[in-house]
PDB file of all heavy atoms in Angstrom:
ATOM      1  N   PRO A   1      77.617 138.524  92.133  1.00  0.00           N
ATOM      2  CA  PRO A   1      78.325 138.780  90.874  1.00  0.00           C
ATOM      3  C   PRO A   1      78.497 137.555  89.989  1.00  0.00           C
ATOM      4  O   PRO A   1      78.873 137.683  88.815  1.00  0.00           O
ATOM      5  CB  PRO A   1      79.681 139.316  91.341  1.00  0.00           C
ATOM      6  CG  PRO A   1      79.864 138.751  92.714  1.00  0.00           C
ATOM      7  CD  PRO A   1      78.491 138.730  93.313  1.00  0.00           C
ATOM      8  N   ALA A   2      78.247 136.363  90.516  1.00  0.00           N
ATOM      9  CA  ALA A   2      78.480 135.139  89.730  1.00  0.00           C
ATOM     10  C   ALA A   2      77.703 135.132  88.423  1.00  0.00           C
ATOM     11  O   ALA A   2      78.195 134.639  87.404  1.00  0.00           O
ATOM     12  CB  ALA A   2      78.110 133.908  90.561  1.00  0.00           C
ATOM     13  N   HIS A   3      76.493 135.655  88.436  1.00  0.00           N
ATOM     14  CA  HIS A   3      75.663 135.610  87.222  1.00  0.00           C
ATOM     15  C   HIS A   3      76.329 136.355  86.071  1.00  0.00           C
ATOM     16  O   HIS A   3      76.455 135.825  84.955  1.00  0.00           O
ATOM     17  CB  HIS A   3      74.286 136.209  87.518  1.00  0.00           C
ATOM     18  CG  HIS A   3      73.430 135.358  88.388  1.00  0.00           C
ATOM     19  ND1 HIS A   3      72.730 134.271  87.910  1.00  0.00           N
ATOM     20  CD2 HIS A   3      73.148 135.435  89.712  1.00  0.00           C
ATOM     21  CE1 HIS A   3      72.041 133.715  88.897  1.00  0.00           C
ATOM     22  NE2 HIS A   3      72.292 134.398  90.009  1.00  0.00           N
ATOM     23  N   ALA A   4      76.750 137.595  86.327  1.00  0.00           N
ATOM     24  CA  ALA A   4      77.394 138.372  85.270  1.00  0.00           C
ATOM     25  C   ALA A   4      78.744 137.764  84.893  1.00  0.00           C
ATOM     26  O   ALA A   4      79.108 137.711  83.712  1.00  0.00           O
ATOM     27  CB  ALA A   4      77.568 139.822  85.719  1.00  0.00           C
ATOM     28  N   ARG A   5      79.510 137.314  85.884  1.00  0.00           N
ATOM     29  CA  ARG A   5      80.811 136.702  85.608  1.00  0.00           C
ATOM     30  C   ARG A   5      80.663 135.507  84.667  1.00  0.00           C
ATOM     31  O   ARG A   5      81.398 135.370  83.679  1.00  0.00           O
ATOM     32  CB  ARG A   5      81.449 136.230  86.913  1.00  0.00           C
ATOM     33  CG  ARG A   5      81.889 137.307  87.870  1.00  0.00           C
ATOM     34  CD  ARG A   5      82.358 136.674  89.187  1.00  0.00           C
ATOM     35  NE  ARG A   5      82.828 137.642  90.158  1.00  0.00           N
ATOM     36  CZ  ARG A   5      83.240 137.329  91.379  1.00  0.00           C
ATOM     37  NH1 ARG A   5      83.257 136.052  91.765  1.00  0.00           N
ATOM     38  NH2 ARG A   5      83.654 138.265  92.214  1.00  0.00           N
ATOM     39  N   LYS A   6      79.724 134.635  84.993  1.00  0.00           N
ATOM     40  CA  LYS A   6      79.564 133.412  84.195  1.00  0.00           C
ATOM     41  C   LYS A   6      79.063 133.732  82.790  1.00  0.00           C
ATOM     42  O   LYS A   6      79.459 133.073  81.815  1.00  0.00           O
ATOM     43  CB  LYS A   6      78.625 132.451  84.916  1.00  0.00           C
ATOM     44  CG  LYS A   6      79.230 131.866  86.197  1.00  0.00           C
ATOM     45  CD  LYS A   6      78.224 131.102  87.031  1.00  0.00           C
ATOM     46  CE  LYS A   6      77.731 129.857  86.347  1.00  0.00           C
ATOM     47  NZ  LYS A   6      76.839 129.055  87.213  1.00  0.00           N
ATOM     48  N   GLY A   7      78.210 134.761  82.673  1.00  0.00           N
ATOM     49  CA  GLY A   7      77.775 135.167  81.346  1.00  0.00           C
ATOM     50  C   GLY A   7      78.943 135.622  80.492  1.00  0.00           C
ATOM     51  O   GLY A   7      79.062 135.250  79.315  1.00  0.00           O
ATOM     52  N   ALA A   8      79.833 136.439  81.087  1.00  0.00           N
ATOM     53  CA  ALA A   8      81.006 136.910  80.351  1.00  0.00           C
ATOM     54  C   ALA A   8      81.934 135.753  79.990  1.00  0.00           C
ATOM     55  O   ALA A   8      82.466 135.681  78.869  1.00  0.00           O
ATOM     56  CB  ALA A   8      81.743 137.955  81.178  1.00  0.00           C
ATOM     57  N   ALA A   9      82.141 134.841  80.937  1.00  0.00           N
ATOM     58  CA  ALA A   9      83.024 133.703  80.669  1.00  0.00           C
ATOM     59  C   ALA A   9      82.478 132.830  79.542  1.00  0.00           C
ATOM     60  O   ALA A   9      83.239 132.339  78.694  1.00  0.00           O
ATOM     61  CB  ALA A   9      83.199 132.877  81.942  1.00  0.00           C
ATOM     62  N   ARG A  10      81.180 132.641  79.520  1.00  0.00           N
ATOM     63  CA  ARG A  10      80.560 131.843  78.462  1.00  0.00           C
ATOM     64  C   ARG A  10      80.697 132.540  77.102  1.00  0.00           C
ATOM     65  O   ARG A  10      81.003 131.897  76.090  1.00  0.00           O
ATOM     66  CB  ARG A  10      79.084 131.608  78.797  1.00  0.00           C
ATOM     67  CG  ARG A  10      78.295 130.866  77.725  1.00  0.00           C
ATOM     68  CD  ARG A  10      78.796 129.465  77.501  1.00  0.00           C
ATOM     69  NE  ARG A  10      77.934 128.736  76.559  1.00  0.00           N
ATOM     70  CZ  ARG A  10      78.336 127.724  75.804  1.00  0.00           C
ATOM     71  NH1 ARG A  10      79.593 127.294  75.885  1.00  0.00           N
ATOM     72  NH2 ARG A  10      77.503 127.128  74.986  1.00  0.00           N
ATOM     73  N   LEU A  11      80.500 133.858  77.075  1.00  0.00           N
ATOM     74  CA  LEU A  11      80.670 134.590  75.821  1.00  0.00           C
ATOM     75  C   LEU A  11      82.110 134.480  75.318  1.00  0.00           C
ATOM     76  O   LEU A  11      82.355 134.318  74.113  1.00  0.00           O
ATOM     77  CB  LEU A  11      80.288 136.055  76.024  1.00  0.00           C
ATOM     78  CG  LEU A  11      78.784 136.338  76.146  1.00  0.00           C
ATOM     79  CD1 LEU A  11      78.547 137.716  76.744  1.00  0.00           C
ATOM     80  CD2 LEU A  11      78.096 136.217  74.785  1.00  0.00           C
ATOM     81  N   LYS A  12      83.058 134.557  76.243  1.00  0.00           N
ATOM     82  CA  LYS A  12      84.462 134.441  75.842  1.00  0.00           C
ATOM     83  C   LYS A  12      84.746 133.058  75.259  1.00  0.00           C
ATOM     84  O   LYS A  12      85.456 132.934  74.247  1.00  0.00           O
ATOM     85  CB  LYS A  12      85.363 134.705  77.043  1.00  0.00           C
ATOM     86  CG  LYS A  12      86.842 134.754  76.695  1.00  0.00           C
ATOM     87  CD  LYS A  12      87.660 135.285  77.860  1.00  0.00           C
ATOM     88  CE  LYS A  12      89.099 135.535  77.449  1.00  0.00           C
ATOM     89  NZ  LYS A  12      89.880 136.182  78.533  1.00  0.00           N
ATOM     90  N   GLU A  13      84.187 132.042  75.887  1.00  0.00           N
ATOM     91  CA  GLU A  13      84.350 130.670  75.380  1.00  0.00           C
ATOM     92  C   GLU A  13      83.826 130.551  73.957  1.00  0.00           C
ATOM     93  O   GLU A  13      84.407 129.841  73.119  1.00  0.00           O
ATOM     94  CB  GLU A  13      83.603 129.712  76.304  1.00  0.00           C
ATOM     95  CG  GLU A  13      83.609 128.261  75.839  1.00  0.00           C
ATOM     96  CD  GLU A  13      82.642 127.400  76.653  1.00  0.00           C
ATOM     97  OE1 GLU A  13      82.349 127.754  77.817  1.00  0.00           O
ATOM     98  OE2 GLU A  13      82.166 126.374  76.108  1.00  0.00           O
ATOM     99  N   LEU A  14      82.727 131.254  73.666  1.00  0.00           N
ATOM    100  CA  LEU A  14      82.115 131.191  72.337  1.00  0.00           C
ATOM    101  C   LEU A  14      82.805 132.095  71.324  1.00  0.00           C
ATOM    102  O   LEU A  14      82.434 132.104  70.144  1.00  0.00           O
ATOM    103  CB  LEU A  14      80.630 131.584  72.432  1.00  0.00           C
ATOM    104  CG  LEU A  14      79.730 130.654  73.247  1.00  0.00           C
ATOM    105  CD1 LEU A  14      78.349 131.271  73.421  1.00  0.00           C
ATOM    106  CD2 LEU A  14      79.622 129.288  72.572  1.00  0.00           C
ATOM    107  N   GLY A  15      83.785 132.881  71.793  1.00  0.00           N
ATOM    108  CA  GLY A  15      84.452 133.804  70.886  1.00  0.00           C
ATOM    109  C   GLY A  15      83.624 135.028  70.558  1.00  0.00           C
ATOM    110  O   GLY A  15      83.869 135.700  69.544  1.00  0.00           O
ATOM    111  N   GLN A  16      82.657 135.331  71.417  1.00  0.00           N
ATOM    112  CA  GLN A  16      81.778 136.476  71.193  1.00  0.00           C
ATOM    113  C   GLN A  16      82.360 137.718  71.865  1.00  0.00           C
ATOM    114  O   GLN A  16      82.838 137.655  72.998  1.00  0.00           O
ATOM    115  CB  GLN A  16      80.395 136.202  71.794  1.00  0.00           C
ATOM    116  CG  GLN A  16      79.603 135.136  71.069  1.00  0.00           C
ATOM    117  CD  GLN A  16      78.923 135.679  69.806  1.00  0.00           C
ATOM    118  OE1 GLN A  16      78.814 136.884  69.616  1.00  0.00           O
ATOM    119  NE2 GLN A  16      78.479 134.774  68.959  1.00  0.00           N
ATOM    120  N   PRO A  17      82.310 138.874  71.210  1.00  0.00           N
ATOM    121  CA  PRO A  17      82.790 140.101  71.853  1.00  0.00           C
ATOM    122  C   PRO A  17      81.868 140.521  72.990  1.00  0.00           C
ATOM    123  O   PRO A  17      80.651 140.335  72.934  1.00  0.00           O
ATOM    124  CB  PRO A  17      82.781 141.124  70.720  1.00  0.00           C
ATOM    125  CG  PRO A  17      81.774 140.608  69.744  1.00  0.00           C
ATOM    126  CD  PRO A  17      81.840 139.111  69.832  1.00  0.00           C
ATOM    127  N   TYR A  18      82.452 141.082  74.036  1.00  0.00           N
ATOM    128  CA  TYR A  18      81.687 141.544  75.193  1.00  0.00           C
ATOM    129  C   TYR A  18      82.573 142.484  75.996  1.00  0.00           C
ATOM    130  O   TYR A  18      83.794 142.558  75.792  1.00  0.00           O
ATOM    131  CB  TYR A  18      81.271 140.360  76.088  1.00  0.00           C
ATOM    132  CG  TYR A  18      82.447 139.703  76.774  1.00  0.00           C
ATOM    133  CD1 TYR A  18      82.855 140.101  78.049  1.00  0.00           C
ATOM    134  CD2 TYR A  18      83.187 138.711  76.128  1.00  0.00           C
ATOM    135  CE1 TYR A  18      83.971 139.526  78.658  1.00  0.00           C
ATOM    136  CE2 TYR A  18      84.299 138.132  76.723  1.00  0.00           C
ATOM    137  CZ  TYR A  18      84.681 138.549  77.990  1.00  0.00           C
ATOM    138  OH  TYR A  18      85.785 137.998  78.590  1.00  0.00           O
ATOM    139  N   PHE A  19      81.977 143.200  76.933  1.00  0.00           N
ATOM    140  CA  PHE A  19      82.703 143.962  77.946  1.00  0.00           C
ATOM    141  C   PHE A  19      82.227 143.498  79.317  1.00  0.00           C
ATOM    142  O   PHE A  19      81.040 143.209  79.511  1.00  0.00           O
ATOM    143  CB  PHE A  19      82.438 145.465  77.808  1.00  0.00           C
ATOM    144  CG  PHE A  19      82.967 146.063  76.537  1.00  0.00           C
ATOM    145  CD1 PHE A  19      82.120 146.314  75.467  1.00  0.00           C
ATOM    146  CD2 PHE A  19      84.312 146.367  76.408  1.00  0.00           C
ATOM    147  CE1 PHE A  19      82.604 146.869  74.292  1.00  0.00           C
ATOM    148  CE2 PHE A  19      84.806 146.921  75.240  1.00  0.00           C
ATOM    149  CZ  PHE A  19      83.950 147.174  74.169  1.00  0.00           C
ATOM    150  N   TYR A  20      83.163 143.450  80.258  1.00  0.00           N
ATOM    151  CA  TYR A  20      82.798 143.102  81.635  1.00  0.00           C
ATOM    152  C   TYR A  20      83.487 144.064  82.588  1.00  0.00           C
ATOM    153  O   TYR A  20      84.667 144.386  82.424  1.00  0.00           O
ATOM    154  CB  TYR A  20      83.219 141.670  81.987  1.00  0.00           C
ATOM    155  CG  TYR A  20      82.793 141.284  83.397  1.00  0.00           C
ATOM    156  CD1 TYR A  20      81.522 140.790  83.631  1.00  0.00           C
ATOM    157  CD2 TYR A  20      83.641 141.472  84.485  1.00  0.00           C
ATOM    158  CE1 TYR A  20      81.099 140.470  84.917  1.00  0.00           C
ATOM    159  CE2 TYR A  20      83.232 141.162  85.776  1.00  0.00           C
ATOM    160  CZ  TYR A  20      81.957 140.671  85.984  1.00  0.00           C
ATOM    161  OH  TYR A  20      81.538 140.370  87.256  1.00  0.00           O
ATOM    162  N   PHE A  21      82.714 144.515  83.596  1.00  0.00           N
ATOM    163  CA  PHE A  21      83.307 145.329  84.654  1.00  0.00           C
ATOM    164  C   PHE A  21      82.660 144.945  85.975  1.00  0.00           C
ATOM    165  O   PHE A  21      81.444 144.727  86.048  1.00  0.00           O
ATOM    166  CB  PHE A  21      83.094 146.822  84.400  1.00  0.00           C
ATOM    167  CG  PHE A  21      83.718 147.688  85.472  1.00  0.00           C
ATOM    168  CD1 PHE A  21      85.087 147.889  85.507  1.00  0.00           C
ATOM    169  CD2 PHE A  21      82.936 148.269  86.459  1.00  0.00           C
ATOM    170  CE1 PHE A  21      85.679 148.663  86.494  1.00  0.00           C
ATOM    171  CE2 PHE A  21      83.511 149.044  87.457  1.00  0.00           C
ATOM    172  CZ  PHE A  21      84.890 149.244  87.473  1.00  0.00           C
ATOM    173  N   GLU A  22      83.487 144.865  87.017  1.00  0.00           N
ATOM    174  CA  GLU A  22      82.973 144.562  88.349  1.00  0.00           C
ATOM    175  C   GLU A  22      83.432 145.637  89.331  1.00  0.00           C
ATOM    176  O   GLU A  22      84.633 145.863  89.503  1.00  0.00           O
ATOM    177  CB  GLU A  22      83.456 143.190  88.817  1.00  0.00           C
ATOM    178  CG  GLU A  22      82.792 142.734  90.110  1.00  0.00           C
ATOM    179  CD  GLU A  22      82.993 141.240  90.364  1.00  0.00           C
ATOM    180  OE1 GLU A  22      82.803 140.439  89.413  1.00  0.00           O
ATOM    181  OE2 GLU A  22      83.348 140.884  91.502  1.00  0.00           O
ATOM    182  N   ASP A  23      82.454 146.307  89.918  1.00  0.00           N
ATOM    183  CA  ASP A  23      82.734 147.269  90.978  1.00  0.00           C
ATOM    184  C   ASP A  23      83.148 146.473  92.213  1.00  0.00           C
ATOM    185  O   ASP A  23      82.352 145.701  92.753  1.00  0.00           O
ATOM    186  CB  ASP A  23      81.476 148.099  91.241  1.00  0.00           C
ATOM    187  CG  ASP A  23      81.635 149.043  92.409  1.00  0.00           C
ATOM    188  OD1 ASP A  23      82.771 149.223  92.872  1.00  0.00           O
ATOM    189  OD2 ASP A  23      80.620 149.592  92.860  1.00  0.00           O
ATOM    190  N   MET A  24      84.361 146.655  92.668  1.00  0.00           N
ATOM    191  CA  MET A  24      84.884 145.841  93.760  1.00  0.00           C
ATOM    192  C   MET A  24      84.671 146.491  95.126  1.00  0.00           C
ATOM    193  O   MET A  24      85.214 146.033  96.125  1.00  0.00           O
ATOM    194  CB  MET A  24      86.357 145.525  93.518  1.00  0.00           C
ATOM    195  CG  MET A  24      86.582 144.774  92.205  1.00  0.00           C
ATOM    196  SD  MET A  24      88.278 144.267  91.884  1.00  0.00           S
ATOM    197  CE  MET A  24      88.421 142.875  92.998  1.00  0.00           C
ATOM    198  N   THR A  25      83.847 147.572  95.170  1.00  0.00           N
ATOM    199  CA  THR A  25      83.588 148.245  96.442  1.00  0.00           C
ATOM    200  C   THR A  25      82.116 148.308  96.801  1.00  0.00           C
ATOM    201  O   THR A  25      81.762 148.329  97.970  1.00  0.00           O
ATOM    202  CB  THR A  25      84.142 149.679  96.412  1.00  0.00           C
ATOM    203  OG1 THR A  25      83.501 150.413  95.356  1.00  0.00           O
ATOM    204  CG2 THR A  25      85.640 149.674  96.189  1.00  0.00           C
ATOM    205  N   GLY A  26      81.210 148.388  95.822  1.00  0.00           N
ATOM    206  CA  GLY A  26      79.799 148.643  96.111  1.00  0.00           C
ATOM    207  C   GLY A  26      79.000 147.382  96.337  1.00  0.00           C
ATOM    208  O   GLY A  26      79.477 146.268  96.171  1.00  0.00           O
ATOM    209  N   GLY A  27      77.735 147.553  96.726  1.00  0.00           N
ATOM    210  CA  GLY A  27      76.817 146.445  96.949  1.00  0.00           C
ATOM    211  C   GLY A  27      75.922 146.224  95.750  1.00  0.00           C
ATOM    212  O   GLY A  27      76.324 146.421  94.600  1.00  0.00           O
ATOM    213  N   HIS A  28      74.652 145.859  96.013  1.00  0.00           N
ATOM    214  CA  HIS A  28      73.736 145.488  94.937  1.00  0.00           C
ATOM    215  C   HIS A  28      73.522 146.623  93.946  1.00  0.00           C
ATOM    216  O   HIS A  28      73.318 146.381  92.757  1.00  0.00           O
ATOM    217  CB  HIS A  28      72.399 145.050  95.533  1.00  0.00           C
ATOM    218  CG  HIS A  28      71.392 144.615  94.513  1.00  0.00           C
ATOM    219  ND1 HIS A  28      71.577 143.524  93.696  1.00  0.00           N
ATOM    220  CD2 HIS A  28      70.189 145.141  94.167  1.00  0.00           C
ATOM    221  CE1 HIS A  28      70.526 143.384  92.902  1.00  0.00           C
ATOM    222  NE2 HIS A  28      69.676 144.354  93.162  1.00  0.00           N
ATOM    223  N   SER A  29      73.565 147.861  94.394  1.00  0.00           N
ATOM    224  CA  SER A  29      73.292 148.994  93.506  1.00  0.00           C
ATOM    225  C   SER A  29      74.549 149.612  92.916  1.00  0.00           C
ATOM    226  O   SER A  29      74.473 150.630  92.232  1.00  0.00           O
ATOM    227  CB  SER A  29      72.506 150.073  94.265  1.00  0.00           C
ATOM    228  OG  SER A  29      71.272 149.555  94.702  1.00  0.00           O
ATOM    229  N   GLY A  30      75.690 149.028  93.156  1.00  0.00           N
ATOM    230  CA  GLY A  30      76.913 149.565  92.579  1.00  0.00           C
ATOM    231  C   GLY A  30      77.668 150.442  93.553  1.00  0.00           C
ATOM    232  O   GLY A  30      77.624 150.247  94.760  1.00  0.00           O
TER     233      GLY A  30
END
């Protein structure tokens, strides 16, 4: 999940709108 997390964090730093969601139960396929 680090890849998506870091992308969202970078967008937030830039003031860019985005949505982020992390499935906290599933594996690679969700």
